[in-house]
N, C-alpha and C. Protein backbone atom coordinates (compact mmCIF):
# COMPACT_ATOMS: atom_id res chain seq x y z
N MET A 1 19.06 28.16 15.00
CA MET A 1 19.13 26.80 15.56
C MET A 1 19.61 25.84 14.47
N PRO A 2 20.71 25.12 14.71
CA PRO A 2 21.25 24.23 13.66
C PRO A 2 20.44 22.96 13.50
N ALA A 3 20.63 22.32 12.35
CA ALA A 3 19.97 21.05 12.11
C ALA A 3 20.67 19.93 12.87
N LYS A 4 19.91 18.94 13.26
CA LYS A 4 20.48 17.76 13.90
C LYS A 4 21.29 16.96 12.88
N PRO A 5 22.22 16.15 13.34
CA PRO A 5 22.97 15.31 12.41
C PRO A 5 22.03 14.41 11.61
N GLY A 6 22.21 14.38 10.30
CA GLY A 6 21.38 13.53 9.45
C GLY A 6 19.96 14.00 9.29
N ALA A 7 19.69 15.30 9.57
CA ALA A 7 18.34 15.82 9.41
C ALA A 7 17.94 15.81 7.93
N SER A 8 16.75 15.33 7.65
CA SER A 8 16.30 15.26 6.26
C SER A 8 14.79 15.20 6.16
N LEU A 9 14.28 15.66 5.02
CA LEU A 9 12.88 15.55 4.67
C LEU A 9 12.79 14.71 3.40
N LEU A 10 11.91 13.72 3.41
CA LEU A 10 11.78 12.81 2.28
C LEU A 10 10.34 12.85 1.78
N PHE A 11 10.17 13.15 0.50
CA PHE A 11 8.85 13.38 -0.06
C PHE A 11 8.52 12.37 -1.15
N ASP A 12 7.35 11.76 -1.02
CA ASP A 12 6.74 11.12 -2.18
C ASP A 12 6.42 12.22 -3.19
N ILE A 13 6.12 11.85 -4.43
CA ILE A 13 5.82 12.87 -5.45
C ILE A 13 4.34 12.90 -5.78
N ASP A 14 3.82 11.86 -6.43
CA ASP A 14 2.41 11.85 -6.83
C ASP A 14 1.49 11.87 -5.61
N GLY A 15 0.57 12.83 -5.60
CA GLY A 15 -0.37 12.92 -4.50
C GLY A 15 0.19 13.58 -3.27
N THR A 16 1.48 13.92 -3.30
CA THR A 16 2.14 14.52 -2.14
C THR A 16 2.68 15.90 -2.50
N LEU A 17 3.59 15.95 -3.46
CA LEU A 17 4.05 17.25 -3.95
C LEU A 17 2.97 17.91 -4.79
N VAL A 18 2.21 17.09 -5.49
CA VAL A 18 1.19 17.58 -6.42
C VAL A 18 0.01 16.61 -6.38
N ASP A 19 -1.20 17.14 -6.46
CA ASP A 19 -2.39 16.29 -6.45
C ASP A 19 -2.62 15.75 -7.86
N SER A 20 -1.83 14.77 -8.21
CA SER A 20 -1.85 14.21 -9.57
C SER A 20 -2.72 12.97 -9.70
N ASP A 21 -3.30 12.50 -8.60
CA ASP A 21 -4.09 11.27 -8.68
C ASP A 21 -5.25 11.35 -9.67
N PRO A 22 -5.98 12.47 -9.78
CA PRO A 22 -7.05 12.52 -10.78
C PRO A 22 -6.54 12.31 -12.21
N LEU A 23 -5.32 12.75 -12.49
CA LEU A 23 -4.75 12.55 -13.82
C LEU A 23 -4.38 11.09 -14.03
N HIS A 24 -3.83 10.46 -12.99
CA HIS A 24 -3.53 9.03 -13.08
C HIS A 24 -4.81 8.22 -13.29
N LEU A 25 -5.89 8.63 -12.63
CA LEU A 25 -7.15 7.91 -12.77
C LEU A 25 -7.62 7.92 -14.22
N VAL A 26 -7.53 9.06 -14.87
CA VAL A 26 -7.91 9.14 -16.30
C VAL A 26 -7.03 8.21 -17.13
N ALA A 27 -5.71 8.25 -16.88
CA ALA A 27 -4.78 7.44 -17.67
C ALA A 27 -5.00 5.95 -17.45
N PHE A 28 -5.25 5.54 -16.20
CA PHE A 28 -5.53 4.13 -15.91
C PHE A 28 -6.79 3.67 -16.63
N ASN A 29 -7.84 4.46 -16.57
CA ASN A 29 -9.10 4.04 -17.20
C ASN A 29 -8.95 3.91 -18.71
N GLU A 30 -8.18 4.79 -19.33
CA GLU A 30 -7.98 4.69 -20.78
C GLU A 30 -7.15 3.45 -21.13
N ALA A 31 -6.10 3.19 -20.36
CA ALA A 31 -5.20 2.08 -20.67
C ALA A 31 -5.80 0.72 -20.33
N PHE A 32 -6.63 0.66 -19.29
CA PHE A 32 -7.12 -0.62 -18.79
C PHE A 32 -8.51 -0.97 -19.31
N ALA A 33 -9.20 -0.04 -19.97
CA ALA A 33 -10.55 -0.32 -20.47
C ALA A 33 -10.59 -1.54 -21.39
N PRO A 34 -9.60 -1.71 -22.30
CA PRO A 34 -9.65 -2.90 -23.18
C PRO A 34 -9.55 -4.22 -22.42
N TYR A 35 -9.15 -4.17 -21.16
CA TYR A 35 -8.97 -5.39 -20.38
C TYR A 35 -10.07 -5.55 -19.34
N GLY A 36 -11.14 -4.75 -19.50
CA GLY A 36 -12.33 -4.92 -18.66
C GLY A 36 -12.28 -4.25 -17.31
N HIS A 37 -11.37 -3.30 -17.12
CA HIS A 37 -11.25 -2.64 -15.82
C HIS A 37 -11.71 -1.19 -15.91
N SER A 38 -12.43 -0.77 -14.88
CA SER A 38 -12.86 0.62 -14.77
C SER A 38 -12.71 1.04 -13.31
N PHE A 39 -12.16 2.22 -13.09
CA PHE A 39 -11.86 2.66 -11.73
C PHE A 39 -12.54 3.99 -11.44
N ASP A 40 -13.16 4.08 -10.25
CA ASP A 40 -13.56 5.37 -9.74
C ASP A 40 -12.53 5.78 -8.68
N LYS A 41 -12.74 6.94 -8.04
CA LYS A 41 -11.74 7.43 -7.09
C LYS A 41 -11.53 6.46 -5.95
N SER A 42 -12.61 5.92 -5.39
CA SER A 42 -12.46 5.04 -4.23
C SER A 42 -11.72 3.76 -4.59
N ARG A 43 -12.00 3.21 -5.77
CA ARG A 43 -11.29 2.00 -6.18
C ARG A 43 -9.83 2.31 -6.50
N PHE A 44 -9.59 3.48 -7.10
CA PHE A 44 -8.21 3.89 -7.37
C PHE A 44 -7.41 3.96 -6.07
N VAL A 45 -7.98 4.61 -5.05
CA VAL A 45 -7.28 4.76 -3.78
C VAL A 45 -7.03 3.40 -3.13
N ALA A 46 -8.01 2.53 -3.20
CA ALA A 46 -7.90 1.23 -2.53
C ALA A 46 -6.98 0.26 -3.24
N GLU A 47 -6.92 0.30 -4.59
CA GLU A 47 -6.26 -0.76 -5.33
C GLU A 47 -5.05 -0.33 -6.16
N LEU A 48 -4.91 0.96 -6.42
CA LEU A 48 -3.83 1.41 -7.32
C LEU A 48 -2.88 2.41 -6.68
N GLN A 49 -3.39 3.28 -5.87
CA GLN A 49 -2.63 4.43 -5.37
C GLN A 49 -1.32 4.04 -4.71
N GLY A 50 -0.23 4.59 -5.23
CA GLY A 50 1.08 4.42 -4.62
C GLY A 50 1.77 3.10 -4.88
N ARG A 51 1.12 2.19 -5.61
CA ARG A 51 1.70 0.86 -5.82
C ARG A 51 2.66 0.86 -7.01
N ALA A 52 3.60 -0.07 -6.97
CA ALA A 52 4.55 -0.22 -8.07
C ALA A 52 3.83 -0.81 -9.29
N ASN A 53 4.30 -0.43 -10.48
CA ASN A 53 3.67 -0.90 -11.71
C ASN A 53 3.71 -2.41 -11.87
N GLU A 54 4.80 -3.02 -11.43
CA GLU A 54 4.90 -4.49 -11.52
C GLU A 54 3.76 -5.14 -10.74
N ALA A 55 3.50 -4.64 -9.53
CA ALA A 55 2.45 -5.22 -8.70
C ALA A 55 1.07 -4.98 -9.31
N ILE A 56 0.85 -3.80 -9.86
CA ILE A 56 -0.42 -3.50 -10.50
C ILE A 56 -0.64 -4.42 -11.70
N ALA A 57 0.39 -4.59 -12.51
CA ALA A 57 0.28 -5.47 -13.68
C ALA A 57 -0.03 -6.90 -13.27
N ASP A 58 0.62 -7.38 -12.23
CA ASP A 58 0.37 -8.74 -11.76
C ASP A 58 -1.09 -8.93 -11.36
N ASP A 59 -1.68 -7.92 -10.73
CA ASP A 59 -3.05 -8.04 -10.23
C ASP A 59 -4.10 -7.86 -11.32
N PHE A 60 -3.88 -6.93 -12.25
CA PHE A 60 -4.93 -6.54 -13.18
C PHE A 60 -4.72 -7.03 -14.61
N LEU A 61 -3.53 -7.51 -14.92
CA LEU A 61 -3.25 -8.01 -16.27
C LEU A 61 -2.62 -9.40 -16.21
N PRO A 62 -3.18 -10.31 -15.41
CA PRO A 62 -2.53 -11.61 -15.19
C PRO A 62 -2.50 -12.51 -16.42
N ASP A 63 -3.36 -12.25 -17.39
CA ASP A 63 -3.41 -13.11 -18.57
C ASP A 63 -2.42 -12.70 -19.65
N LEU A 64 -1.75 -11.58 -19.46
CA LEU A 64 -0.76 -11.11 -20.43
C LEU A 64 0.63 -11.60 -20.06
N ALA A 65 1.45 -11.82 -21.07
CA ALA A 65 2.87 -12.07 -20.81
C ALA A 65 3.46 -10.85 -20.13
N HIS A 66 4.51 -11.07 -19.37
CA HIS A 66 5.08 -9.98 -18.57
C HIS A 66 5.42 -8.76 -19.43
N ASP A 67 6.09 -8.98 -20.53
CA ASP A 67 6.49 -7.85 -21.38
C ASP A 67 5.28 -7.11 -21.93
N ASP A 68 4.23 -7.86 -22.28
CA ASP A 68 3.03 -7.22 -22.80
C ASP A 68 2.32 -6.42 -21.71
N ALA A 69 2.28 -6.97 -20.50
CA ALA A 69 1.65 -6.26 -19.38
C ALA A 69 2.41 -4.98 -19.07
N MET A 70 3.72 -5.04 -19.09
CA MET A 70 4.51 -3.84 -18.80
C MET A 70 4.40 -2.82 -19.93
N ALA A 71 4.14 -3.29 -21.14
CA ALA A 71 3.91 -2.36 -22.25
C ALA A 71 2.60 -1.59 -22.03
N VAL A 72 1.59 -2.27 -21.49
CA VAL A 72 0.34 -1.58 -21.14
C VAL A 72 0.61 -0.53 -20.07
N MET A 73 1.41 -0.92 -19.06
CA MET A 73 1.73 0.05 -18.00
C MET A 73 2.50 1.23 -18.56
N ALA A 74 3.41 0.96 -19.49
CA ALA A 74 4.18 2.05 -20.10
C ALA A 74 3.26 2.99 -20.88
N SER A 75 2.26 2.44 -21.56
CA SER A 75 1.33 3.28 -22.30
C SER A 75 0.50 4.13 -21.35
N LYS A 76 0.16 3.56 -20.20
CA LYS A 76 -0.57 4.34 -19.19
C LYS A 76 0.28 5.51 -18.71
N GLU A 77 1.55 5.24 -18.41
CA GLU A 77 2.43 6.31 -17.92
C GLU A 77 2.65 7.38 -18.99
N LYS A 78 2.78 6.97 -20.23
CA LYS A 78 2.93 7.94 -21.32
C LYS A 78 1.70 8.84 -21.41
N ARG A 79 0.52 8.24 -21.29
CA ARG A 79 -0.71 9.02 -21.33
C ARG A 79 -0.78 9.99 -20.15
N PHE A 80 -0.35 9.53 -18.97
CA PHE A 80 -0.33 10.42 -17.81
C PHE A 80 0.56 11.63 -18.07
N ARG A 81 1.73 11.40 -18.65
CA ARG A 81 2.64 12.52 -18.91
C ARG A 81 2.04 13.49 -19.92
N GLU A 82 1.30 12.96 -20.89
CA GLU A 82 0.64 13.83 -21.87
C GLU A 82 -0.39 14.73 -21.20
N ILE A 83 -1.13 14.16 -20.27
CA ILE A 83 -2.16 14.94 -19.57
C ILE A 83 -1.50 15.96 -18.63
N ALA A 84 -0.49 15.51 -17.89
CA ALA A 84 0.12 16.35 -16.86
C ALA A 84 0.93 17.51 -17.44
N LYS A 85 1.39 17.38 -18.66
CA LYS A 85 2.24 18.44 -19.22
C LYS A 85 1.48 19.73 -19.43
N ASP A 86 0.14 19.66 -19.40
CA ASP A 86 -0.65 20.87 -19.56
C ASP A 86 -0.59 21.78 -18.35
N GLY A 87 0.02 21.29 -17.26
CA GLY A 87 0.21 22.15 -16.10
C GLY A 87 -0.26 21.51 -14.81
N VAL A 88 0.58 21.54 -13.79
CA VAL A 88 0.24 21.05 -12.46
C VAL A 88 0.71 22.09 -11.45
N ASP A 89 0.09 22.07 -10.28
CA ASP A 89 0.44 23.01 -9.22
C ASP A 89 0.89 22.27 -7.99
N PRO A 90 1.85 22.83 -7.24
CA PRO A 90 2.27 22.18 -6.00
C PRO A 90 1.17 22.23 -4.95
N VAL A 91 1.16 21.26 -4.06
CA VAL A 91 0.24 21.28 -2.93
C VAL A 91 0.55 22.53 -2.09
N PRO A 92 -0.46 23.27 -1.65
CA PRO A 92 -0.22 24.51 -0.90
C PRO A 92 0.74 24.33 0.28
N GLY A 93 1.64 25.29 0.42
CA GLY A 93 2.60 25.28 1.52
C GLY A 93 3.89 24.57 1.22
N LEU A 94 3.96 23.83 0.11
CA LEU A 94 5.16 23.06 -0.21
C LEU A 94 6.37 23.96 -0.40
N LEU A 95 6.24 25.00 -1.19
CA LEU A 95 7.41 25.82 -1.51
C LEU A 95 7.97 26.50 -0.27
N ALA A 96 7.09 26.94 0.63
CA ALA A 96 7.55 27.56 1.87
C ALA A 96 8.31 26.55 2.73
N LEU A 97 7.85 25.31 2.76
CA LEU A 97 8.54 24.28 3.54
C LEU A 97 9.91 23.97 2.94
N LEU A 98 9.99 23.91 1.62
CA LEU A 98 11.28 23.66 0.98
C LEU A 98 12.23 24.83 1.23
N ASP A 99 11.72 26.05 1.23
CA ASP A 99 12.56 27.21 1.56
C ASP A 99 13.09 27.08 2.98
N TRP A 100 12.23 26.69 3.89
CA TRP A 100 12.63 26.51 5.29
C TRP A 100 13.75 25.47 5.40
N ALA A 101 13.58 24.34 4.72
CA ALA A 101 14.60 23.29 4.76
C ALA A 101 15.93 23.80 4.24
N ASN A 102 15.90 24.53 3.14
CA ASN A 102 17.13 25.09 2.58
C ASN A 102 17.79 26.06 3.56
N ASP A 103 17.00 26.91 4.19
CA ASP A 103 17.54 27.90 5.11
C ASP A 103 18.16 27.26 6.35
N HIS A 104 17.69 26.07 6.74
CA HIS A 104 18.17 25.42 7.95
C HIS A 104 19.12 24.25 7.68
N GLY A 105 19.50 24.06 6.43
CA GLY A 105 20.46 23.02 6.11
C GLY A 105 19.92 21.61 6.27
N VAL A 106 18.63 21.44 6.03
CA VAL A 106 17.99 20.12 6.12
C VAL A 106 17.91 19.53 4.72
N ALA A 107 18.47 18.35 4.52
CA ALA A 107 18.49 17.70 3.21
C ALA A 107 17.09 17.34 2.75
N VAL A 108 16.87 17.39 1.44
CA VAL A 108 15.55 17.09 0.86
C VAL A 108 15.72 16.06 -0.24
N VAL A 109 14.94 14.98 -0.15
CA VAL A 109 15.02 13.87 -1.10
C VAL A 109 13.61 13.51 -1.57
N ALA A 110 13.46 13.15 -2.84
CA ALA A 110 12.20 12.61 -3.35
C ALA A 110 12.30 11.09 -3.39
N VAL A 111 11.26 10.41 -2.94
CA VAL A 111 11.23 8.95 -2.88
C VAL A 111 9.90 8.49 -3.47
N THR A 112 9.94 7.80 -4.61
CA THR A 112 8.70 7.50 -5.32
C THR A 112 8.70 6.13 -5.96
N ASN A 113 7.51 5.59 -6.14
CA ASN A 113 7.33 4.37 -6.94
C ASN A 113 7.08 4.70 -8.40
N ALA A 114 6.96 5.97 -8.74
CA ALA A 114 6.70 6.36 -10.12
C ALA A 114 7.90 6.08 -11.00
N PRO A 115 7.69 5.85 -12.29
CA PRO A 115 8.83 5.73 -13.21
C PRO A 115 9.64 7.02 -13.22
N ARG A 116 10.93 6.91 -13.51
CA ARG A 116 11.78 8.11 -13.49
C ARG A 116 11.28 9.19 -14.45
N ALA A 117 10.78 8.77 -15.62
CA ALA A 117 10.29 9.77 -16.58
C ALA A 117 9.16 10.60 -15.98
N ASN A 118 8.26 9.94 -15.23
CA ASN A 118 7.16 10.67 -14.58
C ASN A 118 7.69 11.60 -13.50
N ALA A 119 8.58 11.06 -12.65
CA ALA A 119 9.10 11.85 -11.54
C ALA A 119 9.82 13.09 -12.04
N GLU A 120 10.67 12.92 -13.03
CA GLU A 120 11.43 14.05 -13.55
C GLU A 120 10.51 15.05 -14.25
N MET A 121 9.50 14.57 -14.96
CA MET A 121 8.57 15.47 -15.62
C MET A 121 7.81 16.32 -14.62
N LEU A 122 7.32 15.70 -13.53
CA LEU A 122 6.57 16.45 -12.53
C LEU A 122 7.45 17.46 -11.80
N LEU A 123 8.66 17.03 -11.44
CA LEU A 123 9.56 17.97 -10.75
C LEU A 123 9.90 19.15 -11.65
N GLU A 124 10.09 18.88 -12.93
CA GLU A 124 10.38 19.96 -13.87
C GLU A 124 9.16 20.87 -14.04
N ALA A 125 7.97 20.26 -14.14
CA ALA A 125 6.76 21.06 -14.31
C ALA A 125 6.50 21.96 -13.11
N LEU A 126 6.93 21.50 -11.93
CA LEU A 126 6.75 22.27 -10.70
C LEU A 126 7.93 23.20 -10.43
N SER A 127 8.94 23.18 -11.32
CA SER A 127 10.18 23.96 -11.14
C SER A 127 10.88 23.60 -9.83
N LEU A 128 10.95 22.30 -9.54
CA LEU A 128 11.51 21.83 -8.27
C LEU A 128 12.75 20.96 -8.44
N VAL A 129 13.24 20.81 -9.66
CA VAL A 129 14.37 19.89 -9.88
C VAL A 129 15.54 20.23 -8.98
N SER A 130 15.88 21.49 -8.87
CA SER A 130 17.06 21.89 -8.10
C SER A 130 16.86 21.80 -6.59
N ARG A 131 15.62 21.61 -6.17
CA ARG A 131 15.33 21.59 -4.74
C ARG A 131 15.67 20.26 -4.08
N PHE A 132 15.77 19.20 -4.88
CA PHE A 132 15.95 17.86 -4.32
C PHE A 132 17.37 17.35 -4.56
N ALA A 133 18.01 16.94 -3.49
CA ALA A 133 19.38 16.43 -3.60
C ALA A 133 19.42 15.14 -4.41
N HIS A 134 18.40 14.31 -4.27
CA HIS A 134 18.33 13.04 -4.98
C HIS A 134 16.87 12.69 -5.24
N VAL A 135 16.66 11.85 -6.26
CA VAL A 135 15.35 11.29 -6.55
C VAL A 135 15.50 9.77 -6.55
N VAL A 136 14.86 9.11 -5.60
CA VAL A 136 14.94 7.65 -5.46
C VAL A 136 13.72 7.03 -6.13
N ILE A 137 13.97 6.11 -7.07
CA ILE A 137 12.91 5.45 -7.85
C ILE A 137 12.79 4.00 -7.38
N GLY A 138 11.64 3.64 -6.88
CA GLY A 138 11.45 2.30 -6.34
C GLY A 138 11.75 1.20 -7.34
N ALA A 139 11.37 1.39 -8.61
CA ALA A 139 11.56 0.36 -9.63
C ALA A 139 13.03 0.13 -9.96
N GLU A 140 13.90 1.05 -9.57
CA GLU A 140 15.33 0.90 -9.83
C GLU A 140 16.05 0.19 -8.68
N LEU A 141 15.29 -0.20 -7.66
CA LEU A 141 15.85 -0.91 -6.51
C LEU A 141 15.32 -2.34 -6.49
N ALA A 142 15.87 -3.14 -5.59
CA ALA A 142 15.40 -4.53 -5.47
C ALA A 142 13.95 -4.59 -5.01
N HIS A 143 13.52 -3.59 -4.25
CA HIS A 143 12.14 -3.53 -3.76
C HIS A 143 11.66 -2.08 -3.79
N GLY A 144 10.41 -1.90 -4.21
CA GLY A 144 9.77 -0.60 -4.10
C GLY A 144 8.90 -0.55 -2.87
N LYS A 145 8.21 0.57 -2.68
CA LYS A 145 7.24 0.66 -1.59
C LYS A 145 6.14 -0.40 -1.81
N PRO A 146 5.63 -1.03 -0.78
CA PRO A 146 5.69 -0.71 0.64
C PRO A 146 6.93 -1.19 1.39
N HIS A 147 7.89 -1.78 0.70
CA HIS A 147 9.15 -2.15 1.35
C HIS A 147 9.88 -0.87 1.78
N PRO A 148 10.58 -0.89 2.89
CA PRO A 148 11.27 0.32 3.35
C PRO A 148 12.50 0.70 2.54
N LEU A 149 12.97 -0.18 1.64
CA LEU A 149 14.23 0.07 0.95
C LEU A 149 14.31 1.44 0.27
N PRO A 150 13.27 1.91 -0.43
CA PRO A 150 13.41 3.24 -1.06
C PRO A 150 13.70 4.35 -0.04
N TYR A 151 13.06 4.29 1.11
CA TYR A 151 13.33 5.32 2.12
C TYR A 151 14.70 5.13 2.77
N LEU A 152 15.09 3.90 2.99
CA LEU A 152 16.43 3.65 3.53
C LEU A 152 17.50 4.13 2.55
N LYS A 153 17.26 3.92 1.25
CA LYS A 153 18.18 4.41 0.22
C LYS A 153 18.24 5.94 0.25
N GLY A 154 17.08 6.58 0.37
CA GLY A 154 17.06 8.03 0.44
C GLY A 154 17.86 8.56 1.62
N LEU A 155 17.73 7.93 2.76
CA LEU A 155 18.51 8.33 3.93
C LEU A 155 20.00 8.15 3.68
N ARG A 156 20.38 7.03 3.10
CA ARG A 156 21.81 6.76 2.88
C ARG A 156 22.42 7.79 1.94
N LEU A 157 21.68 8.21 0.94
CA LEU A 157 22.22 9.13 -0.05
C LEU A 157 22.62 10.48 0.54
N VAL A 158 21.94 10.88 1.62
CA VAL A 158 22.25 12.18 2.23
C VAL A 158 22.83 12.04 3.63
N GLY A 159 23.25 10.83 4.00
CA GLY A 159 23.77 10.61 5.35
C GLY A 159 22.71 10.85 6.40
N GLY A 160 21.46 10.54 6.06
CA GLY A 160 20.35 10.81 6.96
C GLY A 160 20.21 9.78 8.07
N ARG A 161 19.55 10.23 9.13
CA ARG A 161 19.24 9.36 10.26
C ARG A 161 17.73 9.35 10.44
N ALA A 162 17.16 8.16 10.53
CA ALA A 162 15.70 8.03 10.57
C ALA A 162 15.09 8.83 11.71
N GLU A 163 15.75 8.87 12.85
CA GLU A 163 15.18 9.57 14.00
C GLU A 163 15.19 11.09 13.84
N HIS A 164 15.94 11.58 12.85
CA HIS A 164 16.00 13.02 12.58
C HIS A 164 15.41 13.35 11.21
N ALA A 165 14.48 12.50 10.76
CA ALA A 165 13.89 12.67 9.44
C ALA A 165 12.36 12.68 9.52
N VAL A 166 11.76 13.31 8.53
CA VAL A 166 10.30 13.29 8.38
C VAL A 166 9.99 12.92 6.93
N ALA A 167 9.04 12.01 6.75
CA ALA A 167 8.58 11.62 5.42
C ALA A 167 7.18 12.19 5.18
N PHE A 168 6.88 12.46 3.92
CA PHE A 168 5.57 12.97 3.53
C PHE A 168 4.99 12.03 2.48
N GLU A 169 3.79 11.52 2.75
CA GLU A 169 3.19 10.50 1.91
C GLU A 169 1.69 10.69 1.79
N ASP A 170 1.11 10.08 0.76
CA ASP A 170 -0.35 10.14 0.59
C ASP A 170 -0.97 8.76 0.47
N SER A 171 -0.18 7.71 0.30
CA SER A 171 -0.73 6.37 0.03
C SER A 171 -0.39 5.39 1.14
N ARG A 172 -1.17 4.33 1.21
CA ARG A 172 -0.91 3.29 2.21
C ARG A 172 0.45 2.64 1.97
N ALA A 173 0.78 2.36 0.71
CA ALA A 173 2.06 1.73 0.41
C ALA A 173 3.21 2.62 0.85
N GLY A 174 3.11 3.91 0.57
CA GLY A 174 4.17 4.83 0.94
C GLY A 174 4.30 4.99 2.43
N MET A 175 3.18 5.09 3.13
CA MET A 175 3.23 5.24 4.58
C MET A 175 3.80 3.99 5.24
N ALA A 176 3.45 2.82 4.70
CA ALA A 176 4.00 1.58 5.24
C ALA A 176 5.51 1.54 5.06
N ALA A 177 6.00 2.02 3.91
CA ALA A 177 7.44 2.02 3.64
C ALA A 177 8.18 2.95 4.59
N ALA A 178 7.65 4.17 4.75
CA ALA A 178 8.31 5.14 5.62
C ALA A 178 8.29 4.67 7.07
N LYS A 179 7.15 4.15 7.50
CA LYS A 179 7.04 3.67 8.88
C LYS A 179 8.01 2.52 9.13
N ALA A 180 8.13 1.59 8.17
CA ALA A 180 9.04 0.46 8.33
C ALA A 180 10.50 0.91 8.37
N ALA A 181 10.78 2.06 7.75
CA ALA A 181 12.13 2.62 7.78
C ALA A 181 12.40 3.39 9.07
N GLY A 182 11.40 3.51 9.92
CA GLY A 182 11.57 4.18 11.20
C GLY A 182 11.46 5.69 11.13
N ILE A 183 10.80 6.21 10.10
CA ILE A 183 10.73 7.65 9.87
C ILE A 183 9.35 8.17 10.26
N ALA A 184 9.31 9.25 11.04
CA ALA A 184 8.05 9.92 11.34
C ALA A 184 7.41 10.37 10.04
N THR A 185 6.11 10.14 9.89
CA THR A 185 5.47 10.36 8.60
C THR A 185 4.26 11.27 8.72
N VAL A 186 4.21 12.23 7.81
CA VAL A 186 3.06 13.12 7.69
C VAL A 186 2.23 12.65 6.50
N GLY A 187 0.95 12.40 6.73
CA GLY A 187 0.06 12.00 5.66
C GLY A 187 -0.62 13.21 5.04
N ILE A 188 -0.49 13.34 3.72
CA ILE A 188 -1.13 14.42 2.98
C ILE A 188 -2.45 13.88 2.42
N MET A 189 -3.56 14.48 2.83
CA MET A 189 -4.88 13.91 2.54
C MET A 189 -5.42 14.33 1.17
N THR A 190 -4.67 14.00 0.12
CA THR A 190 -5.18 14.22 -1.23
C THR A 190 -6.06 13.05 -1.69
N GLY A 191 -5.92 11.90 -1.04
CA GLY A 191 -6.71 10.74 -1.43
C GLY A 191 -7.39 10.06 -0.25
N LEU A 192 -6.63 9.80 0.80
CA LEU A 192 -7.16 9.15 1.99
C LEU A 192 -7.69 10.18 2.97
N ASP A 193 -8.62 9.76 3.84
CA ASP A 193 -9.13 10.67 4.85
C ASP A 193 -8.33 10.50 6.15
N GLU A 194 -8.66 11.30 7.14
CA GLU A 194 -7.87 11.32 8.38
C GLU A 194 -7.90 9.97 9.09
N GLN A 195 -9.06 9.32 9.12
CA GLN A 195 -9.15 8.01 9.78
C GLN A 195 -8.27 6.99 9.08
N GLN A 196 -8.29 6.99 7.77
CA GLN A 196 -7.45 6.05 7.01
C GLN A 196 -5.97 6.33 7.25
N MET A 197 -5.62 7.60 7.34
CA MET A 197 -4.23 7.97 7.64
C MET A 197 -3.82 7.46 9.01
N GLU A 198 -4.69 7.67 9.99
CA GLU A 198 -4.37 7.23 11.35
C GLU A 198 -4.23 5.72 11.42
N GLU A 199 -5.09 5.01 10.68
CA GLU A 199 -5.00 3.54 10.64
C GLU A 199 -3.67 3.10 10.04
N ALA A 200 -3.12 3.92 9.14
CA ALA A 200 -1.83 3.59 8.52
C ALA A 200 -0.66 3.94 9.42
N GLY A 201 -0.92 4.64 10.52
CA GLY A 201 0.13 4.88 11.50
C GLY A 201 0.94 6.14 11.30
N VAL A 202 0.35 7.17 10.66
CA VAL A 202 1.11 8.41 10.47
C VAL A 202 1.24 9.17 11.78
N SER A 203 2.26 10.02 11.85
CA SER A 203 2.44 10.87 13.01
C SER A 203 1.46 12.04 13.00
N LEU A 204 1.06 12.45 11.78
CA LEU A 204 0.21 13.62 11.61
C LEU A 204 -0.45 13.51 10.24
N SER A 205 -1.73 13.88 10.15
CA SER A 205 -2.41 13.92 8.86
C SER A 205 -2.93 15.34 8.64
N VAL A 206 -2.69 15.88 7.44
CA VAL A 206 -3.05 17.26 7.12
C VAL A 206 -3.54 17.32 5.68
N HIS A 207 -4.24 18.40 5.35
CA HIS A 207 -4.70 18.59 3.98
C HIS A 207 -3.58 19.11 3.08
N ASP A 208 -2.66 19.89 3.67
CA ASP A 208 -1.56 20.42 2.87
C ASP A 208 -0.43 20.86 3.79
N PHE A 209 0.66 21.31 3.20
CA PHE A 209 1.87 21.67 3.94
C PHE A 209 1.72 22.99 4.68
N ALA A 210 0.67 23.75 4.38
CA ALA A 210 0.47 25.04 5.04
C ALA A 210 -0.05 24.89 6.47
N ASP A 211 -0.51 23.71 6.83
CA ASP A 211 -0.96 23.48 8.20
C ASP A 211 0.21 23.74 9.15
N PRO A 212 0.08 24.62 10.14
CA PRO A 212 1.21 24.96 11.01
C PRO A 212 1.78 23.77 11.79
N ARG A 213 1.00 22.73 11.94
CA ARG A 213 1.50 21.55 12.66
C ARG A 213 2.62 20.84 11.90
N VAL A 214 2.64 21.03 10.57
CA VAL A 214 3.70 20.41 9.77
C VAL A 214 5.05 20.97 10.18
N LEU A 215 5.18 22.28 10.18
CA LEU A 215 6.46 22.90 10.53
C LEU A 215 6.81 22.62 11.99
N GLU A 216 5.84 22.57 12.87
CA GLU A 216 6.11 22.24 14.27
C GLU A 216 6.75 20.86 14.38
N LEU A 217 6.19 19.87 13.69
CA LEU A 217 6.75 18.51 13.72
C LEU A 217 8.13 18.48 13.07
N VAL A 218 8.26 19.13 11.92
CA VAL A 218 9.52 19.14 11.21
C VAL A 218 10.62 19.78 12.06
N ALA A 219 10.35 20.93 12.64
CA ALA A 219 11.36 21.60 13.45
C ALA A 219 11.74 20.77 14.66
N ARG A 220 10.75 20.18 15.31
CA ARG A 220 11.01 19.36 16.49
C ARG A 220 11.88 18.15 16.16
N THR A 221 11.71 17.60 14.95
CA THR A 221 12.42 16.39 14.55
C THR A 221 13.80 16.67 14.00
N THR A 222 13.96 17.79 13.30
CA THR A 222 15.20 18.03 12.54
C THR A 222 16.15 19.05 13.14
N LEU A 223 15.69 19.87 14.08
CA LEU A 223 16.56 20.92 14.63
C LEU A 223 17.01 20.59 16.05
N GLU A 224 18.21 21.08 16.41
CA GLU A 224 18.73 20.90 17.76
C GLU A 224 17.85 21.63 18.77
């Protein structure tokens, strides 16, 4: 069965391809402790998960000059990369889904708010660099998530059509971006629970890509 015109799969990276949020939590707490901030998992999910660094800096480092605040964010990202380089694993079922997409001629794009250095490091650590036609970085565009622009850019890069695409996300910001772009979205529950996913408007919420409902939705959306 051939792919529909503009069929594509668009993946967030952190918390979606890999459950990296616990590593980010450690890095945030180390970088932000001098400024009086401490995060547990629930606060991380509610206030940090999936957001662009500029927005996080504005909220949590308002007394710093912009360049100084972004230097703190850069130190946090550097620390994250140091922690993550020790080894990360893909979310179960991911590799089989990417194989399926390749076999059926469905384009695959990564769409993230993470800095490019983080995105490239994680894709390399997961041995997935060659699997993605493009990597869209929100900070390199006029707007990052929750604005739909990163997903719209991802579609344009592969000649994708929103009605023949599926997005995979774990955060409220990411789900809002994909939904605003008109893309059916699967929520990966590495951070949020099923009720929170449903409140965000996902088409389907699952623990990982091995859930058979993922392939059912993907095939229905992307194949003739």
